[in-house]
N, C-alpha and C. Protein backbone atom coordinates (compact mmCIF):
# COMPACT_ATOMS: atom_id res chain seq x y z
N UNK A 1 20.69 6.37 -13.27
CA UNK A 1 20.21 4.99 -13.11
C UNK A 1 21.40 4.13 -12.74
N UNK A 2 21.30 3.38 -11.69
CA UNK A 2 22.33 2.45 -11.26
C UNK A 2 22.09 1.12 -12.00
N UNK A 3 23.15 0.53 -12.53
CA UNK A 3 22.92 -0.73 -13.19
C UNK A 3 24.05 -1.70 -12.90
N UNK A 4 23.78 -2.98 -13.17
CA UNK A 4 24.81 -3.99 -12.95
C UNK A 4 24.78 -4.93 -14.15
N UNK A 5 25.92 -5.55 -14.45
CA UNK A 5 25.97 -6.40 -15.62
C UNK A 5 25.21 -7.70 -15.39
N UNK A 6 24.84 -8.36 -16.51
CA UNK A 6 24.10 -9.60 -16.41
C UNK A 6 24.94 -10.67 -15.76
N UNK A 7 24.26 -11.63 -15.18
CA UNK A 7 24.93 -12.71 -14.47
C UNK A 7 25.68 -13.64 -15.46
N UNK A 8 25.06 -13.93 -16.57
CA UNK A 8 25.70 -14.89 -17.43
C UNK A 8 25.54 -14.44 -18.88
N UNK A 9 26.62 -14.52 -19.61
CA UNK A 9 26.59 -14.10 -21.00
C UNK A 9 25.86 -15.14 -21.85
N UNK A 10 25.89 -16.41 -21.42
CA UNK A 10 25.20 -17.45 -22.21
C UNK A 10 23.71 -17.24 -22.27
N UNK A 11 23.12 -16.59 -21.24
CA UNK A 11 21.70 -16.36 -21.24
C UNK A 11 21.31 -15.16 -22.10
N UNK A 12 22.26 -14.34 -22.45
CA UNK A 12 21.91 -13.13 -23.20
C UNK A 12 22.33 -13.27 -24.68
N UNK A 13 21.72 -12.46 -25.48
CA UNK A 13 21.98 -12.48 -26.93
C UNK A 13 23.27 -11.68 -27.17
N UNK A 14 24.13 -12.20 -28.07
CA UNK A 14 25.31 -11.43 -28.45
C UNK A 14 24.89 -10.40 -29.47
N UNK A 15 25.17 -9.12 -29.19
CA UNK A 15 24.76 -8.02 -30.05
C UNK A 15 25.97 -7.11 -30.24
N UNK A 16 26.06 -6.62 -31.48
CA UNK A 16 27.13 -5.66 -31.76
C UNK A 16 26.54 -4.24 -31.88
N UNK A 17 27.37 -3.31 -31.53
CA UNK A 17 27.01 -1.90 -31.54
C UNK A 17 27.19 -1.36 -32.95
N UNK A 18 26.76 -0.14 -33.16
CA UNK A 18 26.96 0.54 -34.47
C UNK A 18 28.44 0.66 -34.78
N UNK A 19 29.23 0.79 -33.73
CA UNK A 19 30.69 0.95 -33.93
C UNK A 19 31.40 -0.39 -34.13
N UNK A 20 30.68 -1.51 -34.07
CA UNK A 20 31.24 -2.80 -34.30
C UNK A 20 31.67 -3.54 -33.02
N UNK A 21 31.64 -2.90 -31.90
CA UNK A 21 32.02 -3.55 -30.63
C UNK A 21 30.89 -4.41 -30.09
N UNK A 22 31.24 -5.43 -29.35
CA UNK A 22 30.21 -6.23 -28.66
C UNK A 22 29.61 -5.44 -27.53
N UNK A 23 28.32 -5.59 -27.37
CA UNK A 23 27.63 -4.89 -26.31
C UNK A 23 27.66 -5.71 -25.04
N UNK A 24 27.39 -5.05 -23.91
CA UNK A 24 27.29 -5.71 -22.62
C UNK A 24 25.85 -5.64 -22.18
N UNK A 25 25.44 -6.64 -21.43
CA UNK A 25 24.06 -6.72 -20.96
C UNK A 25 24.00 -6.19 -19.52
N UNK A 26 22.97 -5.35 -19.23
CA UNK A 26 22.79 -4.76 -17.90
C UNK A 26 21.35 -4.93 -17.49
N UNK A 27 21.14 -4.91 -16.17
CA UNK A 27 19.81 -4.93 -15.58
C UNK A 27 19.63 -3.64 -14.81
N UNK A 28 18.63 -2.83 -15.21
CA UNK A 28 18.41 -1.59 -14.46
C UNK A 28 17.83 -1.83 -13.06
N UNK A 29 18.01 -0.88 -12.19
CA UNK A 29 17.50 -1.00 -10.81
C UNK A 29 16.49 0.12 -10.55
N UNK A 30 15.56 0.29 -11.49
CA UNK A 30 14.50 1.29 -11.31
C UNK A 30 13.20 0.54 -11.04
N UNK A 31 12.27 1.18 -10.34
CA UNK A 31 10.98 0.50 -10.04
C UNK A 31 10.23 0.02 -11.26
N UNK A 32 10.28 0.73 -12.35
CA UNK A 32 9.53 0.36 -13.53
C UNK A 32 10.18 -0.76 -14.37
N UNK A 33 11.50 -0.97 -14.16
CA UNK A 33 12.22 -1.87 -15.04
C UNK A 33 13.09 -2.87 -14.26
N UNK A 34 12.59 -3.38 -13.18
CA UNK A 34 13.42 -4.17 -12.28
C UNK A 34 14.01 -5.43 -12.96
N UNK A 35 13.29 -6.05 -13.85
CA UNK A 35 13.77 -7.33 -14.41
C UNK A 35 14.02 -7.23 -15.90
N UNK A 36 14.00 -6.07 -16.46
CA UNK A 36 14.23 -5.93 -17.90
C UNK A 36 15.71 -5.67 -18.17
N UNK A 37 16.26 -6.40 -19.07
CA UNK A 37 17.68 -6.21 -19.39
C UNK A 37 17.80 -5.27 -20.60
N UNK A 38 18.97 -4.64 -20.68
CA UNK A 38 19.24 -3.81 -21.86
C UNK A 38 20.71 -3.99 -22.22
N UNK A 39 21.03 -3.69 -23.48
CA UNK A 39 22.42 -3.79 -24.00
C UNK A 39 22.97 -2.39 -24.20
N UNK A 40 24.23 -2.29 -23.89
CA UNK A 40 24.94 -1.01 -24.08
C UNK A 40 26.33 -1.29 -24.64
N UNK A 41 26.81 -0.38 -25.42
CA UNK A 41 28.13 -0.54 -26.03
C UNK A 41 29.22 -0.54 -24.91
N UNK A 42 30.20 -1.37 -25.09
CA UNK A 42 31.27 -1.45 -24.06
C UNK A 42 32.15 -0.19 -24.07
N UNK A 43 32.05 0.61 -25.15
CA UNK A 43 32.81 1.86 -25.24
C UNK A 43 32.03 3.06 -24.73
N UNK A 44 30.83 2.86 -24.24
CA UNK A 44 29.93 3.99 -23.94
C UNK A 44 30.55 4.99 -22.99
N UNK A 45 31.29 4.54 -22.00
CA UNK A 45 31.87 5.48 -21.03
C UNK A 45 33.18 6.06 -21.55
N UNK A 46 33.88 5.34 -22.39
CA UNK A 46 35.19 5.80 -22.87
C UNK A 46 35.00 6.76 -24.05
N UNK A 47 34.24 6.33 -25.04
CA UNK A 47 34.17 7.09 -26.31
C UNK A 47 32.77 7.72 -26.49
N UNK A 48 31.96 7.75 -25.44
CA UNK A 48 30.64 8.35 -25.54
C UNK A 48 29.71 7.76 -26.58
N UNK A 49 29.86 6.44 -26.81
CA UNK A 49 28.94 5.78 -27.73
C UNK A 49 27.63 5.67 -27.02
N UNK A 50 26.55 6.10 -27.69
CA UNK A 50 25.23 6.15 -27.06
C UNK A 50 24.34 4.97 -27.41
N UNK A 51 24.87 3.91 -27.93
CA UNK A 51 24.05 2.76 -28.33
C UNK A 51 23.51 2.07 -27.07
N UNK A 52 22.24 1.82 -27.07
CA UNK A 52 21.63 0.92 -26.10
C UNK A 52 20.30 0.42 -26.65
N UNK A 53 19.90 -0.78 -26.24
CA UNK A 53 18.67 -1.37 -26.73
C UNK A 53 18.13 -2.33 -25.65
N UNK A 54 16.77 -2.33 -25.48
CA UNK A 54 16.16 -3.30 -24.57
C UNK A 54 16.34 -4.68 -25.12
N UNK A 55 16.51 -5.66 -24.25
CA UNK A 55 16.61 -7.06 -24.69
C UNK A 55 15.28 -7.51 -25.23
N UNK A 56 14.17 -7.15 -24.58
CA UNK A 56 12.84 -7.49 -25.08
C UNK A 56 12.20 -6.29 -25.73
N UNK A 57 11.08 -6.49 -26.38
CA UNK A 57 10.43 -5.40 -27.10
C UNK A 57 9.22 -4.87 -26.35
N UNK A 58 9.05 -5.22 -25.10
CA UNK A 58 7.82 -4.88 -24.38
C UNK A 58 7.98 -3.67 -23.44
N UNK A 59 8.80 -2.74 -23.79
CA UNK A 59 8.99 -1.61 -22.90
C UNK A 59 7.68 -0.83 -22.68
N UNK A 60 6.92 -0.69 -23.76
CA UNK A 60 5.66 0.04 -23.66
C UNK A 60 4.66 -0.73 -22.79
N UNK A 61 4.58 -2.03 -23.03
CA UNK A 61 3.65 -2.89 -22.24
C UNK A 61 4.09 -2.91 -20.77
N UNK A 62 5.38 -2.99 -20.50
CA UNK A 62 5.86 -3.03 -19.11
C UNK A 62 5.51 -1.74 -18.41
N UNK A 63 5.65 -0.61 -19.09
CA UNK A 63 5.33 0.68 -18.48
C UNK A 63 3.86 0.78 -18.18
N UNK A 64 3.05 0.35 -19.13
CA UNK A 64 1.58 0.38 -18.93
C UNK A 64 1.20 -0.52 -17.78
N UNK A 65 1.77 -1.72 -17.77
CA UNK A 65 1.47 -2.67 -16.69
C UNK A 65 1.89 -2.12 -15.35
N UNK A 66 3.10 -1.55 -15.30
CA UNK A 66 3.62 -0.98 -14.05
C UNK A 66 2.73 0.17 -13.57
N UNK A 67 2.33 1.02 -14.51
CA UNK A 67 1.42 2.15 -14.15
C UNK A 67 0.09 1.63 -13.63
N UNK A 68 -0.44 0.62 -14.26
CA UNK A 68 -1.68 0.02 -13.82
C UNK A 68 -1.57 -0.52 -12.37
N UNK A 69 -0.46 -1.24 -12.17
CA UNK A 69 -0.22 -1.80 -10.82
C UNK A 69 -0.05 -0.69 -9.76
N UNK A 70 0.64 0.39 -10.15
CA UNK A 70 0.82 1.51 -9.22
C UNK A 70 -0.53 2.16 -8.94
N UNK A 71 -1.37 2.28 -9.94
CA UNK A 71 -2.73 2.84 -9.75
C UNK A 71 -3.52 1.97 -8.80
N UNK A 72 -3.46 0.67 -9.01
CA UNK A 72 -4.21 -0.26 -8.16
C UNK A 72 -3.67 -0.17 -6.69
N UNK A 73 -2.35 -0.02 -6.54
CA UNK A 73 -1.79 0.12 -5.21
C UNK A 73 -2.26 1.40 -4.56
N UNK A 74 -2.30 2.49 -5.30
CA UNK A 74 -2.78 3.75 -4.76
C UNK A 74 -4.25 3.63 -4.30
N UNK A 75 -5.09 2.99 -5.15
CA UNK A 75 -6.47 2.81 -4.81
C UNK A 75 -6.61 1.96 -3.55
N UNK A 76 -5.85 0.88 -3.48
CA UNK A 76 -5.88 0.00 -2.28
C UNK A 76 -5.43 0.76 -1.05
N UNK A 77 -4.42 1.57 -1.19
CA UNK A 77 -3.91 2.35 -0.06
C UNK A 77 -4.97 3.35 0.43
N UNK A 78 -5.66 4.01 -0.51
CA UNK A 78 -6.72 4.94 -0.13
C UNK A 78 -7.86 4.19 0.55
N UNK A 79 -8.23 3.04 0.04
CA UNK A 79 -9.30 2.25 0.67
C UNK A 79 -8.92 1.88 2.08
N UNK A 80 -7.63 1.48 2.26
CA UNK A 80 -7.17 1.07 3.59
C UNK A 80 -7.22 2.26 4.54
N UNK A 81 -6.80 3.44 4.08
CA UNK A 81 -6.85 4.62 4.92
C UNK A 81 -8.28 4.98 5.29
N UNK A 82 -9.19 4.88 4.32
CA UNK A 82 -10.62 5.15 4.60
C UNK A 82 -11.19 4.16 5.60
N UNK A 83 -10.79 2.90 5.47
CA UNK A 83 -11.30 1.88 6.43
C UNK A 83 -10.70 2.16 7.80
N UNK A 84 -9.48 2.59 7.90
CA UNK A 84 -8.90 2.94 9.22
C UNK A 84 -9.68 4.09 9.83
N UNK A 85 -9.96 5.11 9.03
CA UNK A 85 -10.71 6.26 9.56
C UNK A 85 -12.11 5.84 9.99
N UNK A 86 -12.74 4.96 9.21
CA UNK A 86 -14.10 4.43 9.61
C UNK A 86 -14.02 3.64 10.89
N UNK A 87 -12.98 2.85 11.03
CA UNK A 87 -12.76 2.04 12.25
C UNK A 87 -12.58 2.94 13.44
N UNK A 88 -11.81 4.01 13.30
CA UNK A 88 -11.59 4.94 14.41
C UNK A 88 -12.91 5.63 14.79
N UNK A 89 -13.73 6.01 13.77
CA UNK A 89 -15.00 6.65 14.04
C UNK A 89 -15.93 5.67 14.78
N UNK A 90 -15.91 4.43 14.38
CA UNK A 90 -16.77 3.40 15.05
C UNK A 90 -16.28 3.22 16.52
N UNK A 91 -14.99 3.23 16.72
CA UNK A 91 -14.47 3.07 18.07
C UNK A 91 -14.91 4.23 18.96
N UNK A 92 -14.86 5.46 18.40
CA UNK A 92 -15.29 6.64 19.19
C UNK A 92 -16.77 6.52 19.50
N UNK A 93 -17.56 6.13 18.50
CA UNK A 93 -19.01 5.99 18.72
C UNK A 93 -19.27 4.89 19.76
N UNK A 94 -18.52 3.78 19.72
CA UNK A 94 -18.68 2.71 20.70
C UNK A 94 -18.38 3.24 22.13
N UNK A 95 -17.30 3.99 22.26
CA UNK A 95 -16.95 4.54 23.58
C UNK A 95 -18.01 5.49 24.09
N UNK A 96 -18.56 6.30 23.20
CA UNK A 96 -19.66 7.23 23.58
C UNK A 96 -20.90 6.44 24.01
N UNK A 97 -21.20 5.37 23.29
CA UNK A 97 -22.37 4.55 23.66
C UNK A 97 -22.15 3.82 24.99
N UNK A 98 -20.92 3.39 25.25
CA UNK A 98 -20.62 2.80 26.54
C UNK A 98 -20.86 3.77 27.69
N UNK A 99 -20.45 5.02 27.47
CA UNK A 99 -20.65 6.05 28.52
C UNK A 99 -22.14 6.29 28.70
N UNK A 100 -22.91 6.36 27.60
CA UNK A 100 -24.35 6.54 27.74
C UNK A 100 -24.98 5.36 28.48
N UNK A 101 -24.55 4.19 28.18
CA UNK A 101 -25.09 2.98 28.85
C UNK A 101 -24.77 3.05 30.36
N UNK A 102 -23.56 3.41 30.69
CA UNK A 102 -23.19 3.55 32.10
C UNK A 102 -24.08 4.59 32.80
N UNK A 103 -24.33 5.71 32.13
CA UNK A 103 -25.20 6.74 32.69
C UNK A 103 -26.59 6.24 32.85
N UNK A 104 -27.13 5.54 31.83
CA UNK A 104 -28.46 4.96 31.94
C UNK A 104 -28.61 3.93 33.03
N UNK A 105 -27.55 3.10 33.17
CA UNK A 105 -27.58 2.10 34.23
C UNK A 105 -27.58 2.76 35.58
N UNK A 106 -26.78 3.82 35.76
CA UNK A 106 -26.77 4.57 37.00
C UNK A 106 -28.12 5.18 37.27
N UNK A 107 -28.73 5.79 36.27
CA UNK A 107 -30.07 6.38 36.40
C UNK A 107 -31.09 5.34 36.76
N UNK A 108 -31.01 4.19 36.11
CA UNK A 108 -31.97 3.08 36.39
C UNK A 108 -31.77 2.61 37.82
N UNK A 109 -30.56 2.48 38.30
CA UNK A 109 -30.29 2.05 39.67
C UNK A 109 -30.94 3.08 40.64
N UNK A 110 -30.72 4.35 40.35
CA UNK A 110 -31.29 5.42 41.16
C UNK A 110 -32.82 5.33 41.20
N UNK A 111 -33.43 5.15 40.01
CA UNK A 111 -34.88 5.10 39.91
C UNK A 111 -35.46 3.88 40.62
N UNK A 112 -34.76 2.73 40.51
CA UNK A 112 -35.22 1.49 41.18
C UNK A 112 -35.20 1.72 42.69
N UNK A 113 -34.13 2.29 43.19
CA UNK A 113 -34.05 2.57 44.65
C UNK A 113 -35.15 3.54 45.09
N UNK A 114 -35.42 4.53 44.28
CA UNK A 114 -36.46 5.48 44.56
C UNK A 114 -37.85 4.80 44.62
N UNK A 115 -38.07 3.91 43.66
CA UNK A 115 -39.33 3.13 43.63
C UNK A 115 -39.45 2.26 44.86
N UNK A 116 -38.36 1.61 45.26
CA UNK A 116 -38.39 0.75 46.46
C UNK A 116 -38.75 1.58 47.71
N UNK A 117 -38.14 2.75 47.83
CA UNK A 117 -38.46 3.61 48.94
C UNK A 117 -39.91 4.04 48.95
N UNK A 118 -40.45 4.34 47.75
CA UNK A 118 -41.86 4.74 47.68
C UNK A 118 -42.78 3.56 48.03
N UNK A 119 -42.43 2.37 47.57
CA UNK A 119 -43.24 1.17 47.87
C UNK A 119 -43.21 0.90 49.39
N UNK A 120 -42.08 1.15 50.02
CA UNK A 120 -41.93 0.95 51.46
C UNK A 120 -42.81 1.95 52.22
N UNK A 121 -43.03 3.16 51.69
CA UNK A 121 -43.83 4.17 52.33
C UNK A 121 -45.34 3.95 52.15
N UNK A 122 -45.76 3.27 51.09
CA UNK A 122 -47.16 3.08 50.79
C UNK A 122 -47.90 2.32 51.91
N UNK A 123 -47.39 1.20 52.42
CA UNK A 123 -48.14 0.52 53.51
C UNK A 123 -48.28 1.40 54.73
N UNK A 124 -47.30 2.24 54.98
CA UNK A 124 -47.39 3.10 56.19
C UNK A 124 -48.48 4.15 56.02
N UNK A 125 -48.74 4.59 54.76
CA UNK A 125 -49.76 5.60 54.52
C UNK A 125 -51.17 5.04 54.63
N UNK A 126 -51.33 3.75 54.35
CA UNK A 126 -52.64 3.10 54.38
C UNK A 126 -53.16 3.01 55.82
N UNK A 127 -52.37 3.05 56.79
CA UNK A 127 -52.79 2.96 58.18
C UNK A 127 -53.34 4.16 58.71
């Protein structure tokens, strides 16, 4: 996890570690905890002190909320993909119907000309 220290110490709570040292405030850069701060011992890298604590107590709520939002995003993405597929199917059907219409118009033109020719022959047959 990549982290960076808090911008201002005045905004954060002063907390001491089990070993008596002042802790430092960090903000994680993970998708689930983008804005949640945590405290870590300033000796953690030097003396392997493993103290850390979230600044707020809502880690469980944040995870649940983040999971819910991710689920909603997945559902919305699937709906969008389904709508795209439906749109493509409608476009294909439209193109097929246009071709059928062109064929029917050509057939109609042919039949109209055939009818005109027959009408022109009828008066000649009456004589």
